N, C-alpha and C. Protein backbone atom coordinates (compact mmCIF):
# COMPACT_ATOMS: atom_id res chain seq x y z
N UNK A 1 57.54 83.39 132.63
CA UNK A 1 57.41 84.83 132.70
C UNK A 1 57.82 85.30 134.09
N UNK A 2 58.65 86.29 134.15
CA UNK A 2 59.13 86.81 135.44
C UNK A 2 58.01 87.56 136.15
N UNK A 3 58.02 87.52 137.48
CA UNK A 3 57.00 88.23 138.23
C UNK A 3 57.34 89.72 138.28
N UNK A 4 56.32 90.53 138.38
CA UNK A 4 56.49 91.98 138.44
C UNK A 4 56.56 92.38 139.91
N UNK A 5 57.67 93.06 140.28
CA UNK A 5 57.89 93.44 141.67
C UNK A 5 56.85 94.44 142.14
N UNK A 6 56.58 95.47 141.34
CA UNK A 6 55.65 96.52 141.74
C UNK A 6 54.64 96.71 140.62
N UNK A 7 53.50 96.01 140.68
CA UNK A 7 52.53 96.07 139.59
C UNK A 7 51.97 97.48 139.33
N UNK A 8 51.76 98.26 140.36
CA UNK A 8 51.24 99.63 140.19
C UNK A 8 52.21 100.49 139.39
N UNK A 9 53.49 100.41 139.74
CA UNK A 9 54.51 101.17 139.03
C UNK A 9 54.61 100.71 137.58
N UNK A 10 54.55 99.41 137.37
CA UNK A 10 54.60 98.83 136.03
C UNK A 10 53.45 99.38 135.17
N UNK A 11 52.25 99.38 135.71
CA UNK A 11 51.07 99.87 134.99
C UNK A 11 51.21 101.36 134.70
N UNK A 12 51.64 102.13 135.71
CA UNK A 12 51.79 103.57 135.54
C UNK A 12 52.78 103.89 134.42
N UNK A 13 53.93 103.24 134.43
CA UNK A 13 54.96 103.47 133.41
C UNK A 13 54.41 103.16 132.01
N UNK A 14 53.72 102.05 131.89
CA UNK A 14 53.20 101.66 130.58
C UNK A 14 52.03 102.53 130.14
N UNK A 15 51.24 103.01 131.07
CA UNK A 15 50.16 103.93 130.72
C UNK A 15 50.74 105.24 130.18
N UNK A 16 51.79 105.72 130.80
CA UNK A 16 52.46 106.94 130.33
C UNK A 16 52.98 106.73 128.92
N UNK A 17 53.61 105.59 128.67
CA UNK A 17 54.13 105.28 127.34
C UNK A 17 53.00 105.21 126.31
N UNK A 18 51.88 104.64 126.69
CA UNK A 18 50.73 104.53 125.78
C UNK A 18 50.20 105.92 125.45
N UNK A 19 50.04 106.77 126.46
CA UNK A 19 49.56 108.14 126.25
C UNK A 19 50.51 108.90 125.34
N UNK A 20 51.81 108.79 125.59
CA UNK A 20 52.80 109.46 124.75
C UNK A 20 52.71 108.97 123.31
N UNK A 21 52.55 107.67 123.12
CA UNK A 21 52.43 107.09 121.79
C UNK A 21 51.19 107.65 121.08
N UNK A 22 50.06 107.70 121.77
CA UNK A 22 48.82 108.20 121.18
C UNK A 22 48.97 109.67 120.81
N UNK A 23 49.53 110.49 121.70
CA UNK A 23 49.74 111.91 121.40
C UNK A 23 50.62 112.08 120.17
N UNK A 24 51.67 111.29 120.09
CA UNK A 24 52.60 111.38 118.96
C UNK A 24 51.88 111.04 117.65
N UNK A 25 51.06 110.01 117.67
CA UNK A 25 50.33 109.59 116.47
C UNK A 25 49.27 110.60 116.08
N UNK A 26 48.62 111.23 117.07
CA UNK A 26 47.57 112.19 116.79
C UNK A 26 48.12 113.56 116.42
N UNK A 27 49.39 113.82 116.70
CA UNK A 27 50.00 115.12 116.47
C UNK A 27 49.80 115.60 115.04
N UNK A 28 49.86 114.69 114.08
CA UNK A 28 49.75 115.12 112.69
C UNK A 28 48.35 115.62 112.36
N UNK A 29 47.36 115.32 113.20
CA UNK A 29 46.00 115.78 112.95
C UNK A 29 45.64 117.01 113.78
N UNK A 30 46.43 117.34 114.74
CA UNK A 30 46.14 118.43 115.66
C UNK A 30 47.13 119.57 115.43
N UNK A 31 46.62 120.77 115.24
CA UNK A 31 47.47 121.91 114.98
C UNK A 31 47.91 122.64 116.25
N UNK A 32 47.33 122.30 117.38
CA UNK A 32 47.66 122.98 118.62
C UNK A 32 47.51 122.03 119.78
N UNK A 33 48.22 122.29 120.86
CA UNK A 33 47.98 121.48 122.05
C UNK A 33 46.55 121.69 122.52
N UNK A 34 45.81 120.63 122.74
CA UNK A 34 44.40 120.71 123.12
C UNK A 34 44.22 121.50 124.41
N UNK A 35 43.55 122.65 124.32
CA UNK A 35 43.27 123.45 125.49
C UNK A 35 44.49 124.13 126.10
N UNK A 36 45.65 124.02 125.46
CA UNK A 36 46.86 124.64 126.00
C UNK A 36 47.34 125.71 125.03
N UNK A 37 47.50 126.92 125.52
CA UNK A 37 47.93 128.02 124.67
C UNK A 37 49.36 128.42 124.96
N UNK A 38 49.81 128.15 126.17
CA UNK A 38 51.20 128.39 126.52
C UNK A 38 51.71 127.13 127.19
N UNK A 39 52.95 126.83 126.92
CA UNK A 39 53.53 125.62 127.51
C UNK A 39 55.03 125.78 127.54
N UNK A 40 55.61 125.68 128.71
CA UNK A 40 57.06 125.70 128.85
C UNK A 40 57.74 126.90 128.23
N UNK A 41 57.15 128.08 128.37
CA UNK A 41 57.76 129.28 127.82
C UNK A 41 57.45 129.52 126.35
N UNK A 42 56.53 128.74 125.78
CA UNK A 42 56.13 128.90 124.38
C UNK A 42 54.68 129.34 124.30
N UNK A 43 54.39 130.22 123.37
CA UNK A 43 53.02 130.61 123.08
C UNK A 43 52.70 130.10 121.68
N UNK A 44 51.73 129.19 121.59
CA UNK A 44 51.29 128.64 120.31
C UNK A 44 50.15 129.50 119.81
N UNK A 45 50.33 130.18 118.67
CA UNK A 45 49.28 131.10 118.25
C UNK A 45 48.51 130.65 117.03
N UNK A 46 48.69 129.43 116.60
CA UNK A 46 47.87 128.89 115.52
C UNK A 46 46.70 128.18 116.17
N UNK A 47 45.94 128.91 116.92
CA UNK A 47 44.80 128.36 117.64
C UNK A 47 43.80 129.48 117.92
N UNK A 48 42.58 129.17 118.34
CA UNK A 48 41.54 130.19 118.48
C UNK A 48 41.87 131.36 119.40
N UNK A 49 42.48 131.12 120.55
CA UNK A 49 42.70 132.19 121.51
C UNK A 49 43.68 133.24 120.98
N UNK A 50 44.73 132.82 120.29
CA UNK A 50 45.73 133.75 119.81
C UNK A 50 45.71 133.87 118.29
N UNK A 51 44.56 133.61 117.70
CA UNK A 51 44.41 133.64 116.25
C UNK A 51 44.76 135.00 115.66
N UNK A 52 44.64 136.05 116.44
CA UNK A 52 44.90 137.39 115.91
C UNK A 52 46.33 137.52 115.37
N UNK A 53 47.26 136.71 115.85
CA UNK A 53 48.63 136.76 115.34
C UNK A 53 48.77 136.03 114.00
N UNK A 54 47.80 135.24 113.64
CA UNK A 54 47.83 134.49 112.39
C UNK A 54 47.47 135.41 111.22
N UNK A 55 48.14 135.29 110.07
CA UNK A 55 47.82 136.17 108.94
C UNK A 55 46.41 135.96 108.39
N UNK A 56 45.79 134.82 108.69
CA UNK A 56 44.44 134.55 108.21
C UNK A 56 43.36 135.15 109.12
N UNK A 57 43.75 135.67 110.28
CA UNK A 57 42.78 136.24 111.23
C UNK A 57 42.02 137.39 110.57
N UNK A 58 40.73 137.50 110.84
CA UNK A 58 39.91 138.55 110.22
C UNK A 58 40.15 139.92 110.85
N UNK A 59 41.36 140.43 110.67
CA UNK A 59 41.72 141.75 111.20
C UNK A 59 42.12 142.63 110.02
N UNK A 60 41.26 143.57 109.71
CA UNK A 60 41.48 144.44 108.56
C UNK A 60 42.69 145.33 108.80
N UNK A 61 43.47 145.55 107.74
CA UNK A 61 44.58 146.50 107.81
C UNK A 61 44.53 147.43 106.61
N UNK A 62 45.03 148.63 106.83
CA UNK A 62 45.16 149.61 105.75
C UNK A 62 46.65 149.74 105.44
N UNK A 63 47.00 149.48 104.18
CA UNK A 63 48.40 149.48 103.78
C UNK A 63 48.49 149.74 102.28
N UNK A 64 49.48 150.46 101.85
CA UNK A 64 49.72 150.76 100.44
C UNK A 64 48.50 151.41 99.77
N UNK A 65 47.75 152.19 100.56
CA UNK A 65 46.58 152.87 100.04
C UNK A 65 45.37 151.96 99.82
N UNK A 66 45.41 150.77 100.39
CA UNK A 66 44.32 149.79 100.21
C UNK A 66 43.81 149.31 101.57
N UNK A 67 42.58 148.83 101.58
CA UNK A 67 41.99 148.18 102.75
C UNK A 67 41.99 146.68 102.49
N UNK A 68 42.66 145.94 103.37
CA UNK A 68 42.75 144.49 103.23
C UNK A 68 41.97 143.82 104.36
N UNK A 69 41.15 142.81 104.03
CA UNK A 69 40.38 142.12 105.08
C UNK A 69 41.25 141.34 106.06
N UNK A 70 42.42 140.87 105.58
CA UNK A 70 43.34 140.11 106.45
C UNK A 70 44.77 140.45 106.05
N UNK A 71 45.70 140.09 106.91
CA UNK A 71 47.12 140.25 106.58
C UNK A 71 47.49 139.36 105.40
N UNK A 72 46.88 138.20 105.30
CA UNK A 72 47.14 137.29 104.18
C UNK A 72 46.75 137.93 102.85
N UNK A 73 45.65 138.65 102.83
CA UNK A 73 45.25 139.36 101.61
C UNK A 73 46.35 140.35 101.20
N UNK A 74 46.85 141.11 102.16
CA UNK A 74 47.89 142.11 101.86
C UNK A 74 49.16 141.45 101.36
N UNK A 75 49.58 140.40 102.03
CA UNK A 75 50.80 139.68 101.68
C UNK A 75 50.71 139.12 100.26
N UNK A 76 49.63 138.42 99.96
CA UNK A 76 49.48 137.82 98.63
C UNK A 76 49.26 138.88 97.55
N UNK A 77 48.56 139.95 97.89
CA UNK A 77 48.36 141.06 96.95
C UNK A 77 49.71 141.60 96.47
N UNK A 78 50.62 141.78 97.40
CA UNK A 78 51.92 142.37 97.09
C UNK A 78 52.72 141.51 96.12
N UNK A 79 52.52 140.20 96.13
CA UNK A 79 53.22 139.30 95.21
C UNK A 79 52.94 139.64 93.74
N UNK A 80 51.76 140.20 93.48
CA UNK A 80 51.32 140.42 92.11
C UNK A 80 51.10 141.90 91.77
N UNK A 81 51.29 142.78 92.72
CA UNK A 81 50.97 144.19 92.54
C UNK A 81 51.64 144.80 91.31
N UNK A 82 52.92 144.55 91.10
CA UNK A 82 53.63 145.18 89.98
C UNK A 82 53.53 144.40 88.68
N UNK A 83 53.67 143.08 88.74
CA UNK A 83 53.71 142.27 87.52
C UNK A 83 52.35 141.86 86.97
N UNK A 84 51.37 141.77 87.84
CA UNK A 84 50.03 141.32 87.42
C UNK A 84 48.97 141.99 88.27
N UNK A 85 48.75 143.29 88.04
CA UNK A 85 47.79 144.03 88.88
C UNK A 85 46.37 143.46 88.85
N UNK A 86 45.98 142.82 87.76
CA UNK A 86 44.63 142.24 87.72
C UNK A 86 44.53 141.06 88.69
N UNK A 87 45.61 140.31 88.84
CA UNK A 87 45.62 139.21 89.82
C UNK A 87 45.60 139.79 91.23
N UNK A 88 46.36 140.84 91.45
CA UNK A 88 46.37 141.50 92.76
C UNK A 88 44.96 141.98 93.12
N UNK A 89 44.27 142.55 92.16
CA UNK A 89 42.90 143.01 92.41
C UNK A 89 41.95 141.84 92.68
N UNK A 90 42.17 140.72 91.99
CA UNK A 90 41.35 139.53 92.24
C UNK A 90 41.57 139.03 93.67
N UNK A 91 42.81 139.07 94.14
CA UNK A 91 43.12 138.67 95.52
C UNK A 91 42.40 139.59 96.49
N UNK A 92 42.42 140.86 96.20
CA UNK A 92 41.76 141.85 97.07
C UNK A 92 40.26 141.58 97.17
N UNK A 93 39.68 141.06 96.11
CA UNK A 93 38.23 140.78 96.09
C UNK A 93 37.86 139.45 96.75
N UNK A 94 38.83 138.60 97.06
CA UNK A 94 38.52 137.32 97.70
C UNK A 94 37.84 137.56 99.04
N UNK A 95 36.79 136.82 99.29
CA UNK A 95 36.00 137.01 100.51
C UNK A 95 36.71 136.52 101.77
N UNK A 96 37.61 135.55 101.60
CA UNK A 96 38.35 135.05 102.75
C UNK A 96 39.73 134.58 102.28
N UNK A 97 40.66 134.41 103.20
CA UNK A 97 42.04 134.07 102.80
C UNK A 97 42.18 132.68 102.18
N UNK A 98 41.23 131.78 102.41
CA UNK A 98 41.33 130.45 101.83
C UNK A 98 41.06 130.49 100.32
N UNK A 99 40.25 131.44 99.87
CA UNK A 99 39.99 131.59 98.44
C UNK A 99 41.23 132.06 97.69
N UNK A 100 42.11 132.73 98.38
CA UNK A 100 43.31 133.28 97.76
C UNK A 100 44.20 132.17 97.20
N UNK A 101 44.24 131.04 97.88
CA UNK A 101 45.12 129.94 97.46
C UNK A 101 44.91 129.56 95.99
N UNK A 102 43.66 129.44 95.58
CA UNK A 102 43.41 129.02 94.19
C UNK A 102 43.83 130.12 93.22
N UNK A 103 43.63 131.37 93.58
CA UNK A 103 44.05 132.48 92.72
C UNK A 103 45.57 132.47 92.56
N UNK A 104 46.28 132.31 93.66
CA UNK A 104 47.74 132.30 93.63
C UNK A 104 48.26 131.09 92.85
N UNK A 105 47.68 129.92 93.10
CA UNK A 105 48.19 128.72 92.42
C UNK A 105 47.98 128.78 90.90
N UNK A 106 46.92 129.43 90.46
CA UNK A 106 46.67 129.57 89.01
C UNK A 106 47.60 130.59 88.36
N UNK A 107 48.18 131.47 89.17
CA UNK A 107 48.93 132.60 88.62
C UNK A 107 50.38 132.68 89.09
N UNK A 108 50.94 131.59 89.55
CA UNK A 108 52.31 131.60 90.09
C UNK A 108 53.32 132.19 89.11
N UNK A 109 53.14 131.94 87.83
CA UNK A 109 54.10 132.43 86.83
C UNK A 109 54.08 133.95 86.70
N UNK A 110 53.04 134.59 87.19
CA UNK A 110 52.92 136.05 87.09
C UNK A 110 53.43 136.77 88.34
N UNK A 111 53.88 136.00 89.32
CA UNK A 111 54.34 136.58 90.57
C UNK A 111 55.62 137.38 90.36
N UNK A 112 55.77 138.46 91.09
CA UNK A 112 56.96 139.29 91.03
C UNK A 112 58.18 138.45 91.39
N UNK A 113 59.16 138.31 90.47
CA UNK A 113 60.33 137.47 90.76
C UNK A 113 61.24 138.05 91.85
N UNK A 114 61.09 139.32 92.15
CA UNK A 114 61.90 139.97 93.18
C UNK A 114 61.17 140.06 94.52
N UNK A 115 60.07 139.36 94.63
CA UNK A 115 59.26 139.41 95.86
C UNK A 115 60.07 138.86 97.03
N UNK A 116 60.19 139.67 98.08
CA UNK A 116 60.91 139.27 99.29
C UNK A 116 59.87 138.96 100.37
N UNK A 117 59.56 137.68 100.52
CA UNK A 117 58.44 137.29 101.36
C UNK A 117 58.61 137.67 102.83
N UNK A 118 59.81 137.58 103.36
CA UNK A 118 60.01 137.93 104.77
C UNK A 118 59.89 139.45 104.96
N UNK A 119 60.47 140.21 104.06
CA UNK A 119 60.39 141.67 104.14
C UNK A 119 58.94 142.15 104.06
N UNK A 120 58.19 141.58 103.11
CA UNK A 120 56.79 141.98 102.95
C UNK A 120 55.96 141.55 104.16
N UNK A 121 56.14 140.32 104.63
CA UNK A 121 55.36 139.88 105.78
C UNK A 121 55.69 140.71 107.02
N UNK A 122 56.93 141.11 107.16
CA UNK A 122 57.31 141.98 108.28
C UNK A 122 56.57 143.31 108.19
N UNK A 123 56.52 143.88 107.01
CA UNK A 123 55.79 145.14 106.82
C UNK A 123 54.30 144.97 107.10
N UNK A 124 53.74 143.87 106.63
CA UNK A 124 52.32 143.60 106.85
C UNK A 124 52.04 143.42 108.35
N UNK A 125 52.85 142.61 109.02
CA UNK A 125 52.64 142.38 110.46
C UNK A 125 52.89 143.65 111.28
N UNK A 126 53.87 144.45 110.89
CA UNK A 126 54.11 145.71 111.62
C UNK A 126 52.87 146.60 111.52
N UNK A 127 52.31 146.68 110.33
CA UNK A 127 51.09 147.47 110.13
C UNK A 127 49.96 146.93 110.99
N UNK A 128 49.80 145.62 110.98
CA UNK A 128 48.75 144.98 111.77
C UNK A 128 48.95 145.29 113.26
N UNK A 129 50.18 145.19 113.71
CA UNK A 129 50.49 145.46 115.13
C UNK A 129 50.15 146.90 115.49
N UNK A 130 50.50 147.84 114.64
CA UNK A 130 50.26 149.25 114.93
C UNK A 130 48.78 149.62 114.85
N UNK A 131 48.02 148.89 114.04
CA UNK A 131 46.61 149.21 113.85
C UNK A 131 45.66 148.44 114.76
N UNK A 132 46.18 147.45 115.47
CA UNK A 132 45.31 146.62 116.32
C UNK A 132 45.89 146.51 117.73
N UNK A 133 45.24 147.16 118.66
CA UNK A 133 45.66 147.17 120.07
C UNK A 133 45.74 145.75 120.64
N UNK A 134 44.83 144.86 120.19
CA UNK A 134 44.81 143.49 120.71
C UNK A 134 46.11 142.76 120.40
N UNK A 135 46.68 143.03 119.23
CA UNK A 135 47.96 142.41 118.85
C UNK A 135 49.05 142.89 119.80
N UNK A 136 49.09 144.19 120.04
CA UNK A 136 50.10 144.76 120.93
C UNK A 136 49.96 144.17 122.34
N UNK A 137 48.72 144.04 122.81
CA UNK A 137 48.49 143.51 124.16
C UNK A 137 48.99 142.08 124.30
N UNK A 138 48.74 141.25 123.30
CA UNK A 138 49.22 139.86 123.36
C UNK A 138 50.74 139.82 123.33
N UNK A 139 51.33 140.62 122.46
CA UNK A 139 52.79 140.63 122.35
C UNK A 139 53.44 141.07 123.66
N UNK A 140 52.86 142.08 124.31
CA UNK A 140 53.41 142.56 125.57
C UNK A 140 53.13 141.56 126.70
N UNK A 141 51.92 141.02 126.74
CA UNK A 141 51.55 140.07 127.80
C UNK A 141 52.46 138.85 127.78
N UNK A 142 52.91 138.44 126.60
CA UNK A 142 53.74 137.25 126.49
C UNK A 142 55.15 137.59 126.01
N UNK A 143 55.68 138.69 126.55
CA UNK A 143 56.99 139.16 126.12
C UNK A 143 58.12 138.19 126.46
N UNK A 144 57.94 137.33 127.43
CA UNK A 144 58.98 136.37 127.82
C UNK A 144 58.85 135.04 127.09
N UNK A 145 57.83 134.90 126.28
CA UNK A 145 57.56 133.64 125.60
C UNK A 145 58.15 133.62 124.20
N UNK A 146 58.56 132.45 123.77
CA UNK A 146 58.94 132.26 122.37
C UNK A 146 57.65 132.02 121.61
N UNK A 147 57.42 132.77 120.55
CA UNK A 147 56.18 132.67 119.78
C UNK A 147 56.35 131.65 118.67
N UNK A 148 55.41 130.72 118.59
CA UNK A 148 55.47 129.65 117.59
C UNK A 148 54.19 129.59 116.79
N UNK A 149 54.31 129.63 115.48
CA UNK A 149 53.13 129.33 114.66
C UNK A 149 53.04 127.82 114.60
N UNK A 150 52.07 127.30 115.31
CA UNK A 150 51.95 125.86 115.51
C UNK A 150 51.23 125.19 114.33
N UNK A 151 51.74 125.44 113.13
CA UNK A 151 51.17 124.81 111.94
C UNK A 151 51.88 123.50 111.68
N UNK A 152 51.11 122.44 111.57
CA UNK A 152 51.69 121.13 111.31
C UNK A 152 52.07 120.95 109.84
N UNK A 153 51.62 121.86 108.98
CA UNK A 153 51.84 121.68 107.54
C UNK A 153 52.85 122.65 106.94
N UNK A 154 53.26 123.66 107.66
CA UNK A 154 54.13 124.69 107.09
C UNK A 154 55.46 124.73 107.84
N UNK A 155 56.53 124.40 107.14
CA UNK A 155 57.85 124.38 107.78
C UNK A 155 58.66 125.64 107.51
N UNK A 156 58.12 126.56 106.74
CA UNK A 156 58.80 127.85 106.57
C UNK A 156 58.19 128.87 107.54
N UNK A 157 56.90 129.12 107.43
CA UNK A 157 56.25 130.10 108.30
C UNK A 157 55.97 129.51 109.68
N UNK A 158 55.77 128.22 109.78
CA UNK A 158 55.43 127.58 111.05
C UNK A 158 56.51 126.63 111.54
N UNK A 159 56.14 125.85 112.57
CA UNK A 159 57.11 124.91 113.14
C UNK A 159 57.02 123.53 112.50
N UNK A 160 55.97 123.28 111.72
CA UNK A 160 55.85 122.00 111.04
C UNK A 160 55.44 120.87 111.96
N UNK A 161 55.12 119.75 111.36
CA UNK A 161 54.64 118.59 112.10
C UNK A 161 55.67 118.07 113.09
N UNK A 162 56.95 118.11 112.73
CA UNK A 162 58.00 117.59 113.60
C UNK A 162 58.63 118.67 114.48
N UNK A 163 58.05 119.86 114.47
CA UNK A 163 58.53 121.00 115.27
C UNK A 163 59.96 121.40 114.92
N UNK A 164 60.36 121.20 113.67
CA UNK A 164 61.70 121.60 113.25
C UNK A 164 61.65 122.64 112.13
N UNK A 165 60.48 123.27 111.95
CA UNK A 165 60.34 124.29 110.92
C UNK A 165 61.03 125.59 111.29
N UNK A 166 61.14 126.49 110.34
CA UNK A 166 61.83 127.77 110.55
C UNK A 166 61.05 128.75 111.44
N UNK A 167 59.71 128.61 111.49
CA UNK A 167 58.89 129.46 112.34
C UNK A 167 59.10 130.95 112.03
N UNK A 168 59.15 131.31 110.76
CA UNK A 168 59.39 132.70 110.39
C UNK A 168 58.29 133.63 110.88
N UNK A 169 57.04 133.16 110.91
CA UNK A 169 55.97 134.00 111.44
C UNK A 169 56.24 134.35 112.90
N UNK A 170 56.59 133.37 113.70
CA UNK A 170 56.90 133.62 115.11
C UNK A 170 58.11 134.52 115.26
N UNK A 171 59.14 134.31 114.44
CA UNK A 171 60.35 135.14 114.52
C UNK A 171 60.05 136.59 114.18
N UNK A 172 59.22 136.81 113.16
CA UNK A 172 58.85 138.19 112.80
C UNK A 172 58.11 138.84 113.95
N UNK A 173 57.14 138.13 114.54
CA UNK A 173 56.40 138.71 115.66
C UNK A 173 57.31 139.03 116.84
N UNK A 174 58.30 138.18 117.10
CA UNK A 174 59.21 138.45 118.22
C UNK A 174 60.08 139.68 117.95
N UNK A 175 60.50 139.86 116.70
CA UNK A 175 61.27 141.06 116.33
C UNK A 175 60.39 142.30 116.51
N UNK A 176 59.16 142.23 116.02
CA UNK A 176 58.25 143.37 116.12
C UNK A 176 57.87 143.65 117.57
N UNK A 177 57.76 142.62 118.37
CA UNK A 177 57.45 142.79 119.80
C UNK A 177 58.53 143.65 120.46
N UNK A 178 59.76 143.48 120.06
CA UNK A 178 60.87 144.26 120.62
C UNK A 178 60.78 145.74 120.24
N UNK A 179 60.01 146.07 119.23
CA UNK A 179 59.82 147.47 118.83
C UNK A 179 58.80 148.19 119.71
N UNK A 180 58.01 147.43 120.46
CA UNK A 180 56.98 148.07 121.30
C UNK A 180 57.59 148.75 122.51
């Protein structure tokens, strides 16, 4: 076995590699950087501090003549408003956004086939932004940051586990931020 010229450097390099390996393996279980909300010009908002940007955040909005407990309620309601109003009403009665999933999954065949998810989410988020000063403050405070929905499971609305998702939620917020 060859001798190590600089044992301290050798240990440091391998410790860094071990830490990187552990972080990579744990990434699939962690939805946000631990204790980090901004990093390298990015704002991760799928976490407690910036949860208000998440559609599941408990921020009531008034839209389409209805009061919705969350943006997710409004978004999912709109999927069924015209084709299955009873399902839309059931969504409106859900106590939290996690209950909506089972209602939607049972009724997928009744969803409006012309539903434009990006257009509707943009309308929902615009309403949320205009009705909640806290949303506007975060968007302005981090105007130079790229906004990322740091969801490890969603590659359309979020960045996904491998950070190669479309991040449509973040893109919508960045477009709306430019309207302020």
